[in-house]
Amino acid sequence: MSGADVLVVQGGINDIAQGRSVGDAAANLRAMVERGTRLGLRVALADVLPWNNGWPDAEEPIRELNALIAGIAHDESVLLLPFHDTLEDRERHGRMRPEWTHADGDHPSVAGYRTLGELVARSLG
C-alpha cells in the first residue's frame, strides 16, 4: 500500500441528522476501523462533534453514539480522538464554543478545525 500510514475515521453525525439508527452508524464506523487495521494502517477513531443546530434534540443520540465509538476504540485497540469534548462549550453543553463554530452552526470554524488538527497531531505524535 502506498500513500497512507494513518487512517482517521470520523462519522456518524449525518446518520443522526437523517434519523438513522445510532447502532447502524456505530457498526459502519467499526467496519471502517476493522478494514483500516486489516490494511496495516495505524487507525484513530474520532467521536462525534457537538452540533449547535441539532441541539437539544441531537444531544442524546450524539452522546449515545460517542459511547459506542469509545467502545469500538477500546475493542479494536485504536486511538480515540475526543473531538466532542475538545470543542464542546463548557457553559453550553452539547454545543460548540462560538469561536470554534462556523456561521452555519453545523461545522467547525477555521479555528475549530485548527484545534482538532492540533489534537490529532499531538495524539498521533
N, C-alpha and C. Protein backbone atom coordinates (compact mmCIF):
# COMPACT_ATOMS: atom_id res chain seq x y z
N MET A 1 0.85 -1.18 0.00
CA MET A 1 0.00 0.00 0.00
C MET A 1 0.89 1.23 0.00
N SER A 2 0.51 2.22 -0.76
CA SER A 2 1.30 3.44 -0.79
C SER A 2 0.40 4.64 -0.52
N GLY A 3 1.00 5.67 0.03
CA GLY A 3 0.29 6.92 0.19
C GLY A 3 -0.35 7.17 1.53
N ALA A 4 -0.51 6.16 2.36
CA ALA A 4 -1.16 6.38 3.64
C ALA A 4 -0.52 5.50 4.70
N ASP A 5 -0.34 6.07 5.87
CA ASP A 5 0.14 5.32 7.02
C ASP A 5 -0.90 5.31 8.13
N VAL A 6 -1.75 6.35 8.13
CA VAL A 6 -2.73 6.53 9.20
C VAL A 6 -4.11 6.73 8.57
N LEU A 7 -5.09 6.12 9.19
CA LEU A 7 -6.49 6.34 8.81
C LEU A 7 -7.19 6.97 10.01
N VAL A 8 -7.76 8.15 9.80
CA VAL A 8 -8.57 8.79 10.83
C VAL A 8 -10.03 8.62 10.40
N VAL A 9 -10.79 7.92 11.22
CA VAL A 9 -12.20 7.66 10.93
C VAL A 9 -13.05 8.60 11.76
N GLN A 10 -13.90 9.36 11.08
CA GLN A 10 -14.84 10.25 11.75
C GLN A 10 -16.16 10.15 11.01
N GLY A 11 -17.22 9.99 11.73
CA GLY A 11 -18.52 9.93 11.08
C GLY A 11 -19.63 9.76 12.09
N GLY A 12 -20.84 9.75 11.57
CA GLY A 12 -22.00 9.48 12.40
C GLY A 12 -22.98 10.62 12.51
N ILE A 13 -22.51 11.87 12.35
CA ILE A 13 -23.44 12.99 12.56
C ILE A 13 -24.51 13.03 11.48
N ASN A 14 -24.17 12.69 10.25
CA ASN A 14 -25.18 12.70 9.20
C ASN A 14 -26.22 11.61 9.44
N ASP A 15 -25.80 10.48 10.00
CA ASP A 15 -26.76 9.44 10.36
C ASP A 15 -27.76 9.98 11.38
N ILE A 16 -27.25 10.68 12.38
CA ILE A 16 -28.12 11.26 13.41
C ILE A 16 -29.03 12.32 12.79
N ALA A 17 -28.46 13.18 11.95
CA ALA A 17 -29.25 14.25 11.32
C ALA A 17 -30.37 13.68 10.46
N GLN A 18 -30.12 12.51 9.86
CA GLN A 18 -31.12 11.90 8.98
C GLN A 18 -32.02 10.90 9.71
N GLY A 19 -31.90 10.83 11.03
CA GLY A 19 -32.76 9.98 11.84
C GLY A 19 -32.46 8.49 11.71
N ARG A 20 -31.26 8.17 11.28
CA ARG A 20 -30.87 6.77 11.15
C ARG A 20 -30.48 6.19 12.51
N SER A 21 -30.38 4.90 12.55
CA SER A 21 -30.04 4.17 13.77
C SER A 21 -28.62 4.47 14.23
N VAL A 22 -28.49 4.81 15.50
CA VAL A 22 -27.18 5.02 16.10
C VAL A 22 -26.38 3.71 16.05
N GLY A 23 -27.05 2.59 16.28
CA GLY A 23 -26.39 1.28 16.22
C GLY A 23 -25.82 0.99 14.84
N ASP A 24 -26.58 1.33 13.80
CA ASP A 24 -26.09 1.13 12.43
C ASP A 24 -24.89 2.03 12.14
N ALA A 25 -24.95 3.27 12.61
CA ALA A 25 -23.82 4.19 12.42
C ALA A 25 -22.57 3.63 13.08
N ALA A 26 -22.72 3.11 14.29
CA ALA A 26 -21.58 2.54 15.01
C ALA A 26 -21.04 1.31 14.27
N ALA A 27 -21.93 0.49 13.75
CA ALA A 27 -21.48 -0.70 13.02
C ALA A 27 -20.70 -0.31 11.77
N ASN A 28 -21.14 0.74 11.08
CA ASN A 28 -20.40 1.20 9.90
C ASN A 28 -19.03 1.75 10.28
N LEU A 29 -18.96 2.48 11.37
CA LEU A 29 -17.67 3.00 11.83
C LEU A 29 -16.74 1.85 12.22
N ARG A 30 -17.28 0.86 12.91
CA ARG A 30 -16.47 -0.31 13.28
C ARG A 30 -15.91 -0.99 12.03
N ALA A 31 -16.73 -1.14 11.01
CA ALA A 31 -16.28 -1.78 9.77
C ALA A 31 -15.12 -1.01 9.14
N MET A 32 -15.19 0.32 9.18
CA MET A 32 -14.09 1.13 8.63
C MET A 32 -12.81 0.94 9.44
N VAL A 33 -12.96 0.92 10.77
CA VAL A 33 -11.80 0.70 11.64
C VAL A 33 -11.19 -0.67 11.37
N GLU A 34 -12.02 -1.69 11.28
CA GLU A 34 -11.53 -3.05 11.03
C GLU A 34 -10.81 -3.13 9.69
N ARG A 35 -11.37 -2.50 8.67
CA ARG A 35 -10.75 -2.51 7.34
C ARG A 35 -9.39 -1.82 7.37
N GLY A 36 -9.31 -0.67 8.00
CA GLY A 36 -8.03 0.03 8.10
C GLY A 36 -6.99 -0.79 8.83
N THR A 37 -7.41 -1.45 9.89
CA THR A 37 -6.49 -2.28 10.67
C THR A 37 -6.00 -3.45 9.82
N ARG A 38 -6.91 -4.09 9.09
CA ARG A 38 -6.52 -5.21 8.21
C ARG A 38 -5.53 -4.77 7.14
N LEU A 39 -5.65 -3.52 6.71
CA LEU A 39 -4.73 -3.00 5.69
C LEU A 39 -3.38 -2.60 6.28
N GLY A 40 -3.24 -2.72 7.59
CA GLY A 40 -1.97 -2.41 8.23
C GLY A 40 -1.78 -0.95 8.56
N LEU A 41 -2.86 -0.18 8.52
CA LEU A 41 -2.76 1.23 8.84
C LEU A 41 -2.87 1.45 10.33
N ARG A 42 -2.25 2.50 10.80
CA ARG A 42 -2.49 2.97 12.15
C ARG A 42 -3.83 3.68 12.11
N VAL A 43 -4.76 3.30 12.97
CA VAL A 43 -6.13 3.82 12.91
C VAL A 43 -6.43 4.64 14.16
N ALA A 44 -7.06 5.79 13.93
CA ALA A 44 -7.58 6.61 15.01
C ALA A 44 -9.06 6.84 14.71
N LEU A 45 -9.88 6.83 15.76
CA LEU A 45 -11.32 6.98 15.63
C LEU A 45 -11.76 8.22 16.39
N ALA A 46 -12.39 9.15 15.69
CA ALA A 46 -12.85 10.39 16.30
C ALA A 46 -14.32 10.26 16.71
N ASP A 47 -14.65 10.81 17.86
CA ASP A 47 -16.06 10.81 18.24
C ASP A 47 -16.77 11.98 17.57
N VAL A 48 -18.09 12.01 17.71
CA VAL A 48 -18.94 12.99 17.03
C VAL A 48 -18.91 14.33 17.74
N LEU A 49 -18.76 15.38 16.97
CA LEU A 49 -18.73 16.74 17.49
C LEU A 49 -20.09 17.17 18.05
N PRO A 50 -20.08 18.15 18.93
CA PRO A 50 -21.35 18.78 19.30
C PRO A 50 -21.98 19.39 18.03
N TRP A 51 -23.28 19.47 18.00
CA TRP A 51 -23.98 20.01 16.83
C TRP A 51 -24.90 21.13 17.28
N ASN A 52 -24.46 22.36 17.08
CA ASN A 52 -25.21 23.52 17.56
C ASN A 52 -26.63 23.58 17.00
N ASN A 53 -26.78 23.34 15.71
CA ASN A 53 -28.12 23.42 15.11
C ASN A 53 -29.00 22.24 15.49
N GLY A 54 -28.41 21.15 15.93
CA GLY A 54 -29.17 19.99 16.32
C GLY A 54 -29.54 19.96 17.78
N TRP A 55 -28.96 20.89 18.55
CA TRP A 55 -29.21 20.93 19.98
C TRP A 55 -30.60 21.48 20.25
N PRO A 56 -31.37 20.94 21.15
CA PRO A 56 -31.05 19.88 22.10
C PRO A 56 -31.42 18.47 21.61
N ASP A 57 -32.18 18.37 20.52
CA ASP A 57 -32.70 17.07 20.10
C ASP A 57 -31.61 16.05 19.78
N ALA A 58 -30.52 16.49 19.20
CA ALA A 58 -29.46 15.56 18.79
C ALA A 58 -28.48 15.23 19.90
N GLU A 59 -28.57 15.93 21.02
CA GLU A 59 -27.56 15.72 22.07
C GLU A 59 -27.56 14.29 22.58
N GLU A 60 -28.72 13.74 22.88
CA GLU A 60 -28.76 12.37 23.40
C GLU A 60 -28.24 11.34 22.40
N PRO A 61 -28.67 11.37 21.13
CA PRO A 61 -28.10 10.41 20.18
C PRO A 61 -26.59 10.59 19.96
N ILE A 62 -26.12 11.83 20.00
CA ILE A 62 -24.67 12.05 19.85
C ILE A 62 -23.94 11.42 21.03
N ARG A 63 -24.42 11.63 22.22
CA ARG A 63 -23.76 11.04 23.40
C ARG A 63 -23.84 9.52 23.36
N GLU A 64 -24.96 8.98 22.90
CA GLU A 64 -25.09 7.53 22.76
C GLU A 64 -24.10 6.98 21.74
N LEU A 65 -24.02 7.63 20.59
CA LEU A 65 -23.07 7.19 19.56
C LEU A 65 -21.64 7.34 20.05
N ASN A 66 -21.34 8.42 20.75
CA ASN A 66 -19.98 8.60 21.26
C ASN A 66 -19.60 7.52 22.26
N ALA A 67 -20.55 7.05 23.06
CA ALA A 67 -20.27 5.94 23.97
C ALA A 67 -19.97 4.66 23.17
N LEU A 68 -20.71 4.44 22.10
CA LEU A 68 -20.44 3.27 21.25
C LEU A 68 -19.08 3.41 20.56
N ILE A 69 -18.75 4.62 20.12
CA ILE A 69 -17.46 4.86 19.48
C ILE A 69 -16.32 4.59 20.46
N ALA A 70 -16.47 5.02 21.70
CA ALA A 70 -15.43 4.73 22.71
C ALA A 70 -15.28 3.23 22.89
N GLY A 71 -16.39 2.50 22.87
CA GLY A 71 -16.32 1.04 22.97
C GLY A 71 -15.62 0.41 21.79
N ILE A 72 -15.87 0.93 20.60
CA ILE A 72 -15.19 0.43 19.40
C ILE A 72 -13.69 0.66 19.52
N ALA A 73 -13.30 1.87 19.91
CA ALA A 73 -11.86 2.17 20.06
C ALA A 73 -11.22 1.22 21.05
N HIS A 74 -11.90 0.95 22.14
CA HIS A 74 -11.38 0.03 23.15
C HIS A 74 -11.28 -1.38 22.59
N ASP A 75 -12.38 -1.87 22.01
CA ASP A 75 -12.42 -3.24 21.49
C ASP A 75 -11.39 -3.48 20.39
N GLU A 76 -11.20 -2.48 19.55
CA GLU A 76 -10.31 -2.63 18.39
C GLU A 76 -8.88 -2.14 18.68
N SER A 77 -8.65 -1.68 19.90
CA SER A 77 -7.33 -1.19 20.33
C SER A 77 -6.80 -0.10 19.40
N VAL A 78 -7.66 0.88 19.12
CA VAL A 78 -7.25 2.03 18.32
C VAL A 78 -7.39 3.30 19.16
N LEU A 79 -6.72 4.33 18.73
CA LEU A 79 -6.73 5.61 19.42
C LEU A 79 -8.10 6.27 19.28
N LEU A 80 -8.64 6.75 20.39
CA LEU A 80 -9.88 7.52 20.39
C LEU A 80 -9.52 9.00 20.43
N LEU A 81 -10.02 9.74 19.44
CA LEU A 81 -9.79 11.19 19.40
C LEU A 81 -11.03 11.88 19.97
N PRO A 82 -10.90 12.60 21.07
CA PRO A 82 -12.06 13.21 21.73
C PRO A 82 -12.46 14.55 21.09
N PHE A 83 -12.94 14.48 19.86
CA PHE A 83 -13.35 15.69 19.16
C PHE A 83 -14.48 16.41 19.89
N HIS A 84 -15.45 15.66 20.41
CA HIS A 84 -16.61 16.27 21.06
C HIS A 84 -16.17 17.13 22.25
N ASP A 85 -15.44 16.53 23.17
CA ASP A 85 -15.05 17.26 24.37
C ASP A 85 -14.08 18.39 24.06
N THR A 86 -13.30 18.24 23.00
CA THR A 86 -12.34 19.27 22.64
C THR A 86 -13.04 20.57 22.22
N LEU A 87 -14.16 20.45 21.50
CA LEU A 87 -14.83 21.65 21.00
C LEU A 87 -16.10 22.02 21.77
N GLU A 88 -16.50 21.20 22.74
CA GLU A 88 -17.74 21.49 23.47
C GLU A 88 -17.58 22.72 24.36
N ASP A 89 -18.58 23.56 24.32
CA ASP A 89 -18.63 24.74 25.17
C ASP A 89 -19.00 24.27 26.58
N ARG A 90 -18.15 24.49 27.55
CA ARG A 90 -18.37 24.03 28.92
C ARG A 90 -19.57 24.71 29.59
N GLU A 91 -19.95 25.87 29.07
CA GLU A 91 -21.10 26.58 29.63
C GLU A 91 -22.40 26.31 28.87
N ARG A 92 -22.28 25.71 27.68
CA ARG A 92 -23.46 25.38 26.87
C ARG A 92 -23.28 23.95 26.35
N HIS A 93 -23.48 23.00 27.24
CA HIS A 93 -23.24 21.59 26.91
C HIS A 93 -23.99 21.19 25.66
N GLY A 94 -23.34 20.35 24.87
CA GLY A 94 -23.94 19.86 23.63
C GLY A 94 -23.76 20.78 22.45
N ARG A 95 -23.05 21.90 22.66
CA ARG A 95 -22.81 22.85 21.57
C ARG A 95 -21.34 23.24 21.54
N MET A 96 -20.88 23.62 20.36
CA MET A 96 -19.51 24.11 20.23
C MET A 96 -19.42 25.55 20.71
N ARG A 97 -18.23 25.90 21.18
CA ARG A 97 -17.99 27.29 21.55
C ARG A 97 -18.13 28.17 20.32
N PRO A 98 -18.65 29.38 20.47
CA PRO A 98 -18.89 30.25 19.31
C PRO A 98 -17.65 30.46 18.43
N GLU A 99 -16.50 30.62 19.03
CA GLU A 99 -15.29 30.88 18.22
C GLU A 99 -14.83 29.63 17.45
N TRP A 100 -15.35 28.48 17.80
CA TRP A 100 -14.97 27.24 17.12
C TRP A 100 -16.06 26.74 16.18
N THR A 101 -17.09 27.57 15.96
CA THR A 101 -18.22 27.18 15.12
C THR A 101 -18.31 28.10 13.92
N HIS A 102 -18.49 27.51 12.76
CA HIS A 102 -18.73 28.26 11.53
C HIS A 102 -20.09 28.93 11.65
N ALA A 103 -20.31 29.96 10.89
CA ALA A 103 -21.56 30.71 10.95
C ALA A 103 -22.78 29.85 10.64
N ASP A 104 -22.59 28.71 9.95
CA ASP A 104 -23.74 27.86 9.61
C ASP A 104 -24.27 27.08 10.82
N GLY A 105 -23.49 27.04 11.92
CA GLY A 105 -23.93 26.34 13.12
C GLY A 105 -23.82 24.83 13.05
N ASP A 106 -23.31 24.32 11.93
CA ASP A 106 -23.17 22.88 11.75
C ASP A 106 -21.72 22.41 11.80
N HIS A 107 -20.82 23.23 11.33
CA HIS A 107 -19.43 22.82 11.14
C HIS A 107 -18.49 23.67 12.00
N PRO A 108 -17.31 23.12 12.28
CA PRO A 108 -16.31 23.94 12.97
C PRO A 108 -15.84 25.10 12.08
N SER A 109 -15.40 26.15 12.71
CA SER A 109 -14.77 27.26 12.01
C SER A 109 -13.33 26.87 11.69
N VAL A 110 -12.61 27.76 11.02
CA VAL A 110 -11.19 27.51 10.76
C VAL A 110 -10.46 27.29 12.08
N ALA A 111 -10.77 28.10 13.08
CA ALA A 111 -10.13 27.94 14.39
C ALA A 111 -10.50 26.60 15.02
N GLY A 112 -11.74 26.17 14.84
CA GLY A 112 -12.16 24.87 15.36
C GLY A 112 -11.43 23.73 14.69
N TYR A 113 -11.35 23.78 13.36
CA TYR A 113 -10.60 22.74 12.64
C TYR A 113 -9.12 22.76 13.02
N ARG A 114 -8.56 23.95 13.22
CA ARG A 114 -7.17 24.05 13.64
C ARG A 114 -6.98 23.36 15.00
N THR A 115 -7.91 23.59 15.90
CA THR A 115 -7.85 22.97 17.23
C THR A 115 -7.91 21.45 17.11
N LEU A 116 -8.80 20.95 16.25
CA LEU A 116 -8.89 19.49 16.05
C LEU A 116 -7.62 18.95 15.40
N GLY A 117 -7.08 19.67 14.43
CA GLY A 117 -5.84 19.25 13.77
C GLY A 117 -4.68 19.18 14.75
N GLU A 118 -4.61 20.14 15.65
CA GLU A 118 -3.56 20.12 16.66
C GLU A 118 -3.74 18.94 17.60
N LEU A 119 -4.97 18.61 17.94
CA LEU A 119 -5.26 17.44 18.77
C LEU A 119 -4.79 16.16 18.06
N VAL A 120 -5.11 16.04 16.79
CA VAL A 120 -4.69 14.86 16.02
C VAL A 120 -3.17 14.77 15.98
N ALA A 121 -2.51 15.88 15.69
CA ALA A 121 -1.05 15.88 15.60
C ALA A 121 -0.41 15.48 16.93
N ARG A 122 -0.94 16.01 18.04
CA ARG A 122 -0.40 15.65 19.36
C ARG A 122 -0.67 14.17 19.66
N SER A 123 -1.85 13.72 19.32
CA SER A 123 -2.26 12.34 19.66
C SER A 123 -1.51 11.30 18.85
N LEU A 124 -1.24 11.61 17.60
CA LEU A 124 -0.56 10.64 16.73
C LEU A 124 0.95 10.78 16.80
N GLY A 125 1.39 11.93 17.36
CA GLY A 125 2.80 12.22 17.57
C GLY A 125 3.67 11.58 16.62
